[in-house]
């Protein structure tokens, strides 16, 4: 890695530590309100869903319905039928790979 890359990694580490430290410093040892705790618990699944949607359904900033979208829909359909997460992921990968091989 170049020196510039290490500087970026270092700045990211410092900014992450600073952001994580602001919360406890601002609260002064008091617990978070219950409403804030419930909202924070929902942030991780929402962010993960947003990353999946933008990664699957967009290309160069535009809506794109391709083989990845069909794979995710196949995995989602398996999840709706109470399949295990492993089955859903493998099914999505197989469907995506099959469509890529055909096109």
PDB file of N, CA and C in Angstrom:
ATOM      1  N   UNK A   1       0.833  -1.178   0.000  1.00  0.00           N
ATOM      2  CA  UNK A   1       0.000   0.000   0.000  1.00  0.00           C
ATOM      3  C   UNK A   1       0.882   1.246   0.000  1.00  0.00           C
ATOM      4  N   UNK A   2       0.370   2.272  -0.618  1.00  0.00           N
ATOM      5  CA  UNK A   2       1.123   3.522  -0.668  1.00  0.00           C
ATOM      6  C   UNK A   2       0.935   4.302   0.621  1.00  0.00           C
ATOM      7  N   UNK A   3       1.743   5.330   0.755  1.00  0.00           N
ATOM      8  CA  UNK A   3       1.660   6.171   1.949  1.00  0.00           C
ATOM      9  C   UNK A   3       0.316   6.886   2.011  1.00  0.00           C
ATOM     10  N   UNK A   4      -0.212   7.288   0.852  1.00  0.00           N
ATOM     11  CA  UNK A   4      -1.506   7.962   0.829  1.00  0.00           C
ATOM     12  C   UNK A   4      -2.615   7.045   1.353  1.00  0.00           C
ATOM     13  N   UNK A   5      -2.551   5.779   0.987  1.00  0.00           N
ATOM     14  CA  UNK A   5      -3.558   4.836   1.460  1.00  0.00           C
ATOM     15  C   UNK A   5      -3.487   4.686   2.973  1.00  0.00           C
ATOM     16  N   UNK A   6      -2.291   4.637   3.527  1.00  0.00           N
ATOM     17  CA  UNK A   6      -2.148   4.516   4.978  1.00  0.00           C
ATOM     18  C   UNK A   6      -2.648   5.761   5.692  1.00  0.00           C
ATOM     19  N   UNK A   7      -2.465   6.924   5.073  1.00  0.00           N
ATOM     20  CA  UNK A   7      -2.980   8.163   5.668  1.00  0.00           C
ATOM     21  C   UNK A   7      -4.511   8.104   5.711  1.00  0.00           C
ATOM     22  N   UNK A   8      -5.130   7.633   4.635  1.00  0.00           N
ATOM     23  CA  UNK A   8      -6.595   7.513   4.605  1.00  0.00           C
ATOM     24  C   UNK A   8      -7.065   6.523   5.669  1.00  0.00           C
ATOM     25  N   UNK A   9      -6.384   5.380   5.786  1.00  0.00           N
ATOM     26  CA  UNK A   9      -6.753   4.389   6.802  1.00  0.00           C
ATOM     27  C   UNK A   9      -6.623   4.991   8.200  1.00  0.00           C
ATOM     28  N   UNK A  10      -5.554   5.713   8.445  1.00  0.00           N
ATOM     29  CA  UNK A  10      -5.361   6.342   9.750  1.00  0.00           C
ATOM     30  C   UNK A  10      -6.426   7.388  10.055  1.00  0.00           C
ATOM     31  N   UNK A  11      -6.761   8.210   9.059  1.00  0.00           N
ATOM     32  CA  UNK A  11      -7.797   9.220   9.262  1.00  0.00           C
ATOM     33  C   UNK A  11      -9.161   8.580   9.510  1.00  0.00           C
ATOM     34  N   UNK A  12      -9.432   7.497   8.812  1.00  0.00           N
ATOM     35  CA  UNK A  12     -10.695   6.783   9.045  1.00  0.00           C
ATOM     36  C   UNK A  12     -10.743   6.218  10.462  1.00  0.00           C
ATOM     37  N   UNK A  13      -9.633   5.665  10.927  1.00  0.00           N
ATOM     38  CA  UNK A  13      -9.589   5.111  12.282  1.00  0.00           C
ATOM     39  C   UNK A  13      -9.790   6.203  13.329  1.00  0.00           C
ATOM     40  N   UNK A  14      -9.132   7.330  13.137  1.00  0.00           N
ATOM     41  CA  UNK A  14      -9.262   8.430  14.105  1.00  0.00           C
ATOM     42  C   UNK A  14     -10.677   8.993  14.097  1.00  0.00           C
ATOM     43  N   UNK A  15     -11.256   9.185  12.900  1.00  0.00           N
ATOM     44  CA  UNK A  15     -12.606   9.745  12.844  1.00  0.00           C
ATOM     45  C   UNK A  15     -13.628   8.764  13.421  1.00  0.00           C
ATOM     46  N   UNK A  16     -13.449   7.465  13.187  1.00  0.00           N
ATOM     47  CA  UNK A  16     -14.364   6.476  13.757  1.00  0.00           C
ATOM     48  C   UNK A  16     -14.285   6.481  15.281  1.00  0.00           C
ATOM     49  N   UNK A  17     -13.077   6.512  15.824  1.00  0.00           N
ATOM     50  CA  UNK A  17     -12.916   6.542  17.280  1.00  0.00           C
ATOM     51  C   UNK A  17     -13.512   7.814  17.865  1.00  0.00           C
ATOM     52  N   UNK A  18     -13.349   8.927  17.167  1.00  0.00           N
ATOM     53  CA  UNK A  18     -13.913  10.193  17.649  1.00  0.00           C
ATOM     54  C   UNK A  18     -15.434  10.149  17.662  1.00  0.00           C
ATOM     55  N   UNK A  19     -16.009   9.647  16.577  1.00  0.00           N
ATOM     56  CA  UNK A  19     -17.468   9.577  16.504  1.00  0.00           C
ATOM     57  C   UNK A  19     -18.024   8.649  17.578  1.00  0.00           C
ATOM     58  N   UNK A  20     -17.355   7.513  17.801  1.00  0.00           N
ATOM     59  CA  UNK A  20     -17.819   6.579  18.831  1.00  0.00           C
ATOM     60  C   UNK A  20     -17.669   7.164  20.231  1.00  0.00           C
ATOM     61  N   UNK A  21     -16.704   8.024  20.422  1.00  0.00           N
ATOM     62  CA  UNK A  21     -16.473   8.610  21.739  1.00  0.00           C
ATOM     63  C   UNK A  21     -17.386   9.774  22.060  1.00  0.00           C
ATOM     64  N   UNK A  22     -17.977  10.397  21.045  1.00  0.00           N
ATOM     65  CA  UNK A  22     -18.833  11.565  21.274  1.00  0.00           C
ATOM     66  C   UNK A  22     -20.082  11.184  22.062  1.00  0.00           C
ATOM     67  N   UNK A  23     -20.687  10.026  21.745  1.00  0.00           N
ATOM     68  CA  UNK A  23     -21.919   9.615  22.421  1.00  0.00           C
ATOM     69  C   UNK A  23     -21.770   9.488  23.922  1.00  0.00           C
ATOM     70  N   UNK A  24     -20.843   8.653  24.400  1.00  0.00           N
ATOM     71  CA  UNK A  24     -20.671   8.537  25.858  1.00  0.00           C
ATOM     72  C   UNK A  24     -20.250   9.860  26.513  1.00  0.00           C
ATOM     73  N   UNK A  25     -19.452  10.647  25.808  1.00  0.00           N
ATOM     74  CA  UNK A  25     -19.037  11.938  26.366  1.00  0.00           C
ATOM     75  C   UNK A  25     -20.228  12.875  26.511  1.00  0.00           C
ATOM     76  N   UNK A  26     -21.092  12.904  25.494  1.00  0.00           N
ATOM     77  CA  UNK A  26     -22.245  13.803  25.526  1.00  0.00           C
ATOM     78  C   UNK A  26     -23.277  13.359  26.567  1.00  0.00           C
ATOM     79  N   UNK A  27     -23.438  12.060  26.754  1.00  0.00           N
ATOM     80  CA  UNK A  27     -24.421  11.572  27.718  1.00  0.00           C
ATOM     81  C   UNK A  27     -23.927  11.650  29.155  1.00  0.00           C
ATOM     82  N   UNK A  28     -22.636  11.678  29.351  1.00  0.00           N
ATOM     83  CA  UNK A  28     -22.089  11.795  30.697  1.00  0.00           C
ATOM     84  C   UNK A  28     -22.395  10.621  31.588  1.00  0.00           C
ATOM     85  N   UNK A  29     -22.450   9.408  31.044  1.00  0.00           N
ATOM     86  CA  UNK A  29     -22.689   8.215  31.833  1.00  0.00           C
ATOM     87  C   UNK A  29     -24.153   7.874  32.036  1.00  0.00           C
ATOM     88  N   UNK A  30     -25.059   8.726  31.580  1.00  0.00           N
ATOM     89  CA  UNK A  30     -26.488   8.424  31.699  1.00  0.00           C
ATOM     90  C   UNK A  30     -26.885   7.424  30.618  1.00  0.00           C
ATOM     91  N   UNK A  31     -27.887   6.587  30.883  1.00  0.00           N
ATOM     92  CA  UNK A  31     -28.337   5.649  29.847  1.00  0.00           C
ATOM     93  C   UNK A  31     -29.141   6.373  28.767  1.00  0.00           C
ATOM     94  N   UNK A  32     -29.148   5.782  27.578  1.00  0.00           N
ATOM     95  CA  UNK A  32     -29.946   6.332  26.482  1.00  0.00           C
ATOM     96  C   UNK A  32     -31.433   6.184  26.789  1.00  0.00           C
ATOM     97  N   UNK A  33     -32.243   7.107  26.304  1.00  0.00           N
ATOM     98  CA  UNK A  33     -33.699   6.917  26.444  1.00  0.00           C
ATOM     99  C   UNK A  33     -34.140   5.673  25.667  1.00  0.00           C
ATOM    100  N   UNK A  34     -35.236   5.068  26.097  1.00  0.00           N
ATOM    101  CA  UNK A  34     -35.711   3.828  25.481  1.00  0.00           C
ATOM    102  C   UNK A  34     -36.040   4.023  24.003  1.00  0.00           C
ATOM    103  N   UNK A  35     -36.606   5.183  23.662  1.00  0.00           N
ATOM    104  CA  UNK A  35     -36.955   5.440  22.258  1.00  0.00           C
ATOM    105  C   UNK A  35     -35.697   5.467  21.391  1.00  0.00           C
ATOM    106  N   UNK A  36     -34.632   6.074  21.864  1.00  0.00           N
ATOM    107  CA  UNK A  36     -33.376   6.133  21.099  1.00  0.00           C
ATOM    108  C   UNK A  36     -32.772   4.743  20.952  1.00  0.00           C
ATOM    109  N   UNK A  37     -32.859   3.924  21.976  1.00  0.00           N
ATOM    110  CA  UNK A  37     -32.329   2.558  21.900  1.00  0.00           C
ATOM    111  C   UNK A  37     -33.065   1.743  20.859  1.00  0.00           C
ATOM    112  N   UNK A  38     -34.391   1.899  20.787  1.00  0.00           N
ATOM    113  CA  UNK A  38     -35.170   1.156  19.781  1.00  0.00           C
ATOM    114  C   UNK A  38     -34.803   1.596  18.369  1.00  0.00           C
ATOM    115  N   UNK A  39     -34.607   2.885  18.173  1.00  0.00           N
ATOM    116  CA  UNK A  39     -34.244   3.390  16.849  1.00  0.00           C
ATOM    117  C   UNK A  39     -32.861   2.892  16.449  1.00  0.00           C
ATOM    118  N   UNK A  40     -31.924   2.933  17.355  1.00  0.00           N
ATOM    119  CA  UNK A  40     -30.557   2.491  17.059  1.00  0.00           C
ATOM    120  C   UNK A  40     -30.534   1.007  16.713  1.00  0.00           C
ATOM    121  N   UNK A  41     -31.369   0.218  17.372  1.00  0.00           N
ATOM    122  CA  UNK A  41     -31.420  -1.218  17.083  1.00  0.00           C
ATOM    123  C   UNK A  41     -31.919  -1.491  15.672  1.00  0.00           C
ATOM    124  N   UNK A  42     -32.705  -0.581  15.109  1.00  0.00           N
ATOM    125  CA  UNK A  42     -33.238  -0.772  13.756  1.00  0.00           C
ATOM    126  C   UNK A  42     -32.335  -0.213  12.664  1.00  0.00           C
ATOM    127  N   UNK A  43     -31.302   0.520  13.021  1.00  0.00           N
ATOM    128  CA  UNK A  43     -30.444   1.139  12.013  1.00  0.00           C
ATOM    129  C   UNK A  43     -29.632   0.130  11.209  1.00  0.00           C
ATOM    130  N   UNK A  44     -29.058  -0.871  11.851  1.00  0.00           N
ATOM    131  CA  UNK A  44     -28.205  -1.827  11.140  1.00  0.00           C
ATOM    132  C   UNK A  44     -28.980  -2.609  10.074  1.00  0.00           C
ATOM    133  N   UNK A  45     -30.153  -3.176  10.368  1.00  0.00           N
ATOM    134  CA  UNK A  45     -30.890  -3.865   9.306  1.00  0.00           C
ATOM    135  C   UNK A  45     -31.315  -2.928   8.175  1.00  0.00           C
ATOM    136  N   UNK A  46     -31.673  -1.693   8.514  1.00  0.00           N
ATOM    137  CA  UNK A  46     -32.085  -0.746   7.479  1.00  0.00           C
ATOM    138  C   UNK A  46     -30.916  -0.382   6.575  1.00  0.00           C
ATOM    139  N   UNK A  47     -29.747  -0.168   7.153  1.00  0.00           N
ATOM    140  CA  UNK A  47     -28.574   0.149   6.340  1.00  0.00           C
ATOM    141  C   UNK A  47     -28.155  -1.035   5.478  1.00  0.00           C
ATOM    142  N   UNK A  48     -28.235  -2.236   6.014  1.00  0.00           N
ATOM    143  CA  UNK A  48     -27.903  -3.421   5.223  1.00  0.00           C
ATOM    144  C   UNK A  48     -28.860  -3.572   4.050  1.00  0.00           C
ATOM    145  N   UNK A  49     -30.145  -3.377   4.292  1.00  0.00           N
ATOM    146  CA  UNK A  49     -31.130  -3.462   3.212  1.00  0.00           C
ATOM    147  C   UNK A  49     -30.871  -2.401   2.155  1.00  0.00           C
ATOM    148  N   UNK A  50     -30.521  -1.201   2.570  1.00  0.00           N
ATOM    149  CA  UNK A  50     -30.232  -0.133   1.614  1.00  0.00           C
ATOM    150  C   UNK A  50     -29.002  -0.465   0.768  1.00  0.00           C
ATOM    151  N   UNK A  51     -27.987  -1.038   1.383  1.00  0.00           N
ATOM    152  CA  UNK A  51     -26.793  -1.426   0.615  1.00  0.00           C
ATOM    153  C   UNK A  51     -27.106  -2.523  -0.391  1.00  0.00           C
ATOM    154  N   UNK A  52     -27.915  -3.494   0.008  1.00  0.00           N
ATOM    155  CA  UNK A  52     -28.287  -4.572  -0.917  1.00  0.00           C
ATOM    156  C   UNK A  52     -29.101  -4.015  -2.078  1.00  0.00           C
ATOM    157  N   UNK A  53     -30.065  -3.170  -1.784  1.00  0.00           N
ATOM    158  CA  UNK A  53     -30.924  -2.629  -2.839  1.00  0.00           C
ATOM    159  C   UNK A  53     -30.128  -1.780  -3.815  1.00  0.00           C
ATOM    160  N   UNK A  54     -29.271  -0.910  -3.311  1.00  0.00           N
ATOM    161  CA  UNK A  54     -28.497  -0.071  -4.228  1.00  0.00           C
ATOM    162  C   UNK A  54     -27.466  -0.882  -4.992  1.00  0.00           C
ATOM    163  N   UNK A  55     -26.933  -1.914  -4.386  1.00  0.00           N
ATOM    164  CA  UNK A  55     -25.959  -2.748  -5.084  1.00  0.00           C
ATOM    165  C   UNK A  55     -26.578  -3.639  -6.145  1.00  0.00           C
ATOM    166  N   UNK A  56     -27.811  -4.065  -5.923  1.00  0.00           N
ATOM    167  CA  UNK A  56     -28.459  -5.001  -6.838  1.00  0.00           C
ATOM    168  C   UNK A  56     -29.239  -4.282  -7.931  1.00  0.00           C
ATOM    169  N   UNK A  57     -29.929  -3.237  -7.576  1.00  0.00           N
ATOM    170  CA  UNK A  57     -30.864  -2.615  -8.506  1.00  0.00           C
ATOM    171  C   UNK A  57     -30.363  -1.320  -9.139  1.00  0.00           C
ATOM    172  N   UNK A  58     -29.078  -1.001  -9.030  1.00  0.00           N
ATOM    173  CA  UNK A  58     -28.581   0.214  -9.660  1.00  0.00           C
ATOM    174  C   UNK A  58     -27.271  -0.067 -10.377  1.00  0.00           C
ATOM    175  N   UNK A  59     -27.073   0.681 -11.436  1.00  0.00           N
ATOM    176  CA  UNK A  59     -25.820   0.597 -12.193  1.00  0.00           C
ATOM    177  C   UNK A  59     -25.538   1.985 -12.754  1.00  0.00           C
ATOM    178  N   UNK A  60     -24.402   2.539 -12.395  1.00  0.00           N
ATOM    179  CA  UNK A  60     -24.013   3.889 -12.827  1.00  0.00           C
ATOM    180  C   UNK A  60     -25.068   4.934 -12.462  1.00  0.00           C
ATOM    181  N   UNK A  61     -25.692   4.784 -11.310  1.00  0.00           N
ATOM    182  CA  UNK A  61     -26.665   5.748 -10.845  1.00  0.00           C
ATOM    183  C   UNK A  61     -28.049   5.618 -11.452  1.00  0.00           C
ATOM    184  N   UNK A  62     -28.298   4.570 -12.203  1.00  0.00           N
ATOM    185  CA  UNK A  62     -29.599   4.359 -12.824  1.00  0.00           C
ATOM    186  C   UNK A  62     -30.181   3.019 -12.394  1.00  0.00           C
ATOM    187  N   UNK A  63     -31.508   2.914 -12.484  1.00  0.00           N
ATOM    188  CA  UNK A  63     -32.180   1.664 -12.163  1.00  0.00           C
ATOM    189  C   UNK A  63     -31.769   0.603 -13.173  1.00  0.00           C
ATOM    190  N   UNK A  64     -31.390  -0.560 -12.670  1.00  0.00           N
ATOM    191  CA  UNK A  64     -30.935  -1.642 -13.534  1.00  0.00           C
ATOM    192  C   UNK A  64     -31.485  -2.959 -12.994  1.00  0.00           C
ATOM    193  N   UNK A  65     -32.292  -3.620 -13.787  1.00  0.00           N
ATOM    194  CA  UNK A  65     -32.821  -4.922 -13.392  1.00  0.00           C
ATOM    195  C   UNK A  65     -32.107  -5.989 -14.201  1.00  0.00           C
ATOM    196  N   UNK A  66     -31.098  -6.596 -13.595  1.00  0.00           N
ATOM    197  CA  UNK A  66     -30.307  -7.594 -14.296  1.00  0.00           C
ATOM    198  C   UNK A  66     -30.342  -8.928 -13.598  1.00  0.00           C
ATOM    199  N   UNK A  67     -29.327  -9.708 -13.870  1.00  0.00           N
ATOM    200  CA  UNK A  67     -29.271 -11.053 -13.318  1.00  0.00           C
ATOM    201  C   UNK A  67     -29.143 -11.060 -11.787  1.00  0.00           C
ATOM    202  N   UNK A  68     -28.483 -10.039 -11.229  1.00  0.00           N
ATOM    203  CA  UNK A  68     -28.389  -9.969  -9.769  1.00  0.00           C
ATOM    204  C   UNK A  68     -29.760  -9.801  -9.137  1.00  0.00           C
ATOM    205  N   UNK A  69     -30.599  -8.988  -9.783  1.00  0.00           N
ATOM    206  CA  UNK A  69     -31.942  -8.758  -9.248  1.00  0.00           C
ATOM    207  C   UNK A  69     -32.752 -10.047  -9.245  1.00  0.00           C
ATOM    208  N   UNK A  70     -32.633 -10.828 -10.305  1.00  0.00           N
ATOM    209  CA  UNK A  70     -33.363 -12.090 -10.366  1.00  0.00           C
ATOM    210  C   UNK A  70     -32.846 -13.052  -9.287  1.00  0.00           C
ATOM    211  N   UNK A  71     -31.536 -13.067  -9.065  1.00  0.00           N
ATOM    212  CA  UNK A  71     -30.966 -13.909  -8.021  1.00  0.00           C
ATOM    213  C   UNK A  71     -31.462 -13.523  -6.635  1.00  0.00           C
ATOM    214  N   UNK A  72     -31.510 -12.226  -6.367  1.00  0.00           N
ATOM    215  CA  UNK A  72     -31.999 -11.767  -5.062  1.00  0.00           C
ATOM    216  C   UNK A  72     -33.482 -12.101  -4.903  1.00  0.00           C
ATOM    217  N   UNK A  73     -34.241 -11.937  -5.971  1.00  0.00           N
ATOM    218  CA  UNK A  73     -35.662 -12.288  -5.899  1.00  0.00           C
ATOM    219  C   UNK A  73     -35.855 -13.784  -5.660  1.00  0.00           C
ATOM    220  N   UNK A  74     -35.009 -14.618  -6.264  1.00  0.00           N
ATOM    221  CA  UNK A  74     -35.100 -16.062  -6.019  1.00  0.00           C
ATOM    222  C   UNK A  74     -34.773 -16.385  -4.560  1.00  0.00           C
ATOM    223  N   UNK A  75     -33.732 -15.753  -4.035  1.00  0.00           N
ATOM    224  CA  UNK A  75     -33.399 -15.956  -2.625  1.00  0.00           C
ATOM    225  C   UNK A  75     -34.490 -15.462  -1.699  1.00  0.00           C
ATOM    226  N   UNK A  76     -35.100 -14.325  -2.050  1.00  0.00           N
ATOM    227  CA  UNK A  76     -36.208 -13.802  -1.258  1.00  0.00           C
ATOM    228  C   UNK A  76     -37.421 -14.712  -1.285  1.00  0.00           C
ATOM    229  N   UNK A  77     -37.695 -15.294  -2.455  1.00  0.00           N
ATOM    230  CA  UNK A  77     -38.815 -16.230  -2.555  1.00  0.00           C
ATOM    231  C   UNK A  77     -38.573 -17.461  -1.696  1.00  0.00           C
ATOM    232  N   UNK A  78     -37.330 -17.932  -1.665  1.00  0.00           N
ATOM    233  CA  UNK A  78     -37.003 -19.072  -0.813  1.00  0.00           C
ATOM    234  C   UNK A  78     -37.153 -18.704   0.664  1.00  0.00           C
ATOM    235  N   UNK A  79     -36.789 -17.474   1.011  1.00  0.00           N
ATOM    236  CA  UNK A  79     -36.930 -17.034   2.406  1.00  0.00           C
ATOM    237  C   UNK A  79     -38.401 -16.960   2.805  1.00  0.00           C
ATOM    238  N   UNK A  80     -39.247 -16.540   1.873  1.00  0.00           N
ATOM    239  CA  UNK A  80     -40.675 -16.491   2.171  1.00  0.00           C
ATOM    240  C   UNK A  80     -41.262 -17.883   2.399  1.00  0.00           C
ATOM    241  N   UNK A  81     -40.614 -18.892   1.831  1.00  0.00           N
ATOM    242  CA  UNK A  81     -41.076 -20.270   2.026  1.00  0.00           C
ATOM    243  C   UNK A  81     -40.352 -20.929   3.198  1.00  0.00           C
ATOM    244  N   UNK A  82     -39.776 -20.119   4.079  1.00  0.00           N
ATOM    245  CA  UNK A  82     -39.111 -20.554   5.311  1.00  0.00           C
ATOM    246  C   UNK A  82     -37.884 -21.423   5.074  1.00  0.00           C
ATOM    247  N   UNK A  83     -37.120 -21.128   4.017  1.00  0.00           N
ATOM    248  CA  UNK A  83     -35.851 -21.824   3.789  1.00  0.00           C
ATOM    249  C   UNK A  83     -34.784 -21.218   4.713  1.00  0.00           C
ATOM    250  N   UNK A  84     -33.758 -21.988   4.980  1.00  0.00           N
ATOM    251  CA  UNK A  84     -32.672 -21.476   5.817  1.00  0.00           C
ATOM    252  C   UNK A  84     -31.912 -20.404   5.056  1.00  0.00           C
ATOM    253  N   UNK A  85     -31.175 -19.586   5.791  1.00  0.00           N
ATOM    254  CA  UNK A  85     -30.425 -18.503   5.164  1.00  0.00           C
ATOM    255  C   UNK A  85     -29.377 -19.052   4.202  1.00  0.00           C
ATOM    256  N   UNK A  86     -28.789 -20.195   4.542  1.00  0.00           N
ATOM    257  CA  UNK A  86     -27.796 -20.802   3.658  1.00  0.00           C
ATOM    258  C   UNK A  86     -28.420 -21.204   2.326  1.00  0.00           C
ATOM    259  N   UNK A  87     -29.599 -21.788   2.373  1.00  0.00           N
ATOM    260  CA  UNK A  87     -30.297 -22.175   1.145  1.00  0.00           C
ATOM    261  C   UNK A  87     -30.632 -20.941   0.317  1.00  0.00           C
ATOM    262  N   UNK A  88     -31.067 -19.882   0.960  1.00  0.00           N
ATOM    263  CA  UNK A  88     -31.406 -18.642   0.248  1.00  0.00           C
ATOM    264  C   UNK A  88     -30.196 -18.055  -0.462  1.00  0.00           C
ATOM    265  N   UNK A  89     -29.068 -18.006   0.221  1.00  0.00           N
ATOM    266  CA  UNK A  89     -27.859 -17.428  -0.369  1.00  0.00           C
ATOM    267  C   UNK A  89     -27.358 -18.296  -1.515  1.00  0.00           C
ATOM    268  N   UNK A  90     -27.331 -19.606  -1.317  1.00  0.00           N
ATOM    269  CA  UNK A  90     -26.857 -20.502  -2.379  1.00  0.00           C
ATOM    270  C   UNK A  90     -27.787 -20.433  -3.585  1.00  0.00           C
ATOM    271  N   UNK A  91     -29.085 -20.421  -3.352  1.00  0.00           N
ATOM    272  CA  UNK A  91     -30.042 -20.326  -4.458  1.00  0.00           C
ATOM    273  C   UNK A  91     -29.859 -19.021  -5.226  1.00  0.00           C
ATOM    274  N   UNK A  92     -29.693 -17.920  -4.520  1.00  0.00           N
ATOM    275  CA  UNK A  92     -29.481 -16.634  -5.186  1.00  0.00           C
ATOM    276  C   UNK A  92     -28.201 -16.664  -6.021  1.00  0.00           C
ATOM    277  N   UNK A  93     -27.139 -17.252  -5.491  1.00  0.00           N
ATOM    278  CA  UNK A  93     -25.871 -17.325  -6.228  1.00  0.00           C
ATOM    279  C   UNK A  93     -25.991 -18.220  -7.455  1.00  0.00           C
ATOM    280  N   UNK A  94     -26.675 -19.347  -7.313  1.00  0.00           N
ATOM    281  CA  UNK A  94     -26.826 -20.274  -8.432  1.00  0.00           C
ATOM    282  C   UNK A  94     -27.674 -19.651  -9.541  1.00  0.00           C
ATOM    283  N   UNK A  95     -28.766 -19.001  -9.165  1.00  0.00           N
ATOM    284  CA  UNK A  95     -29.622 -18.374 -10.180  1.00  0.00           C
ATOM    285  C   UNK A  95     -28.872 -17.260 -10.899  1.00  0.00           C
ATOM    286  N   UNK A  96     -28.141 -16.445 -10.150  1.00  0.00           N
ATOM    287  CA  UNK A  96     -27.365 -15.360 -10.759  1.00  0.00           C
ATOM    288  C   UNK A  96     -26.300 -15.919 -11.695  1.00  0.00           C
ATOM    289  N   UNK A  97     -25.576 -16.943 -11.247  1.00  0.00           N
ATOM    290  CA  UNK A  97     -24.530 -17.545 -12.081  1.00  0.00           C
ATOM    291  C   UNK A  97     -25.118 -18.177 -13.336  1.00  0.00           C
ATOM    292  N   UNK A  98     -26.265 -18.831 -13.202  1.00  0.00           N
ATOM    293  CA  UNK A  98     -26.893 -19.461 -14.359  1.00  0.00           C
ATOM    294  C   UNK A  98     -27.313 -18.412 -15.387  1.00  0.00           C
ATOM    295  N   UNK A  99     -27.892 -17.313 -14.922  1.00  0.00           N
ATOM    296  CA  UNK A  99     -28.295 -16.250 -15.852  1.00  0.00           C
ATOM    297  C   UNK A  99     -27.083 -15.601 -16.518  1.00  0.00           C
ATOM    298  N   UNK A 100     -26.006 -15.441 -15.781  1.00  0.00           N
ATOM    299  CA  UNK A 100     -24.789 -14.866 -16.385  1.00  0.00           C
ATOM    300  C   UNK A 100     -24.194 -15.819 -17.420  1.00  0.00           C
ATOM    301  N   UNK A 101     -24.292 -17.122 -17.172  1.00  0.00           N
ATOM    302  CA  UNK A 101     -23.759 -18.090 -18.119  1.00  0.00           C
ATOM    303  C   UNK A 101     -24.599 -18.133 -19.396  1.00  0.00           C
ATOM    304  N   UNK A 102     -25.890 -17.871 -19.271  1.00  0.00           N
ATOM    305  CA  UNK A 102     -26.770 -17.914 -20.435  1.00  0.00           C
ATOM    306  C   UNK A 102     -26.676 -16.657 -21.285  1.00  0.00           C
ATOM    307  N   UNK A 103     -26.273 -15.548 -20.685  1.00  0.00           N
ATOM    308  CA  UNK A 103     -26.227 -14.289 -21.458  1.00  0.00           C
ATOM    309  C   UNK A 103     -24.834 -13.894 -21.828  1.00  0.00           C
TER     310      UNK A 103
END
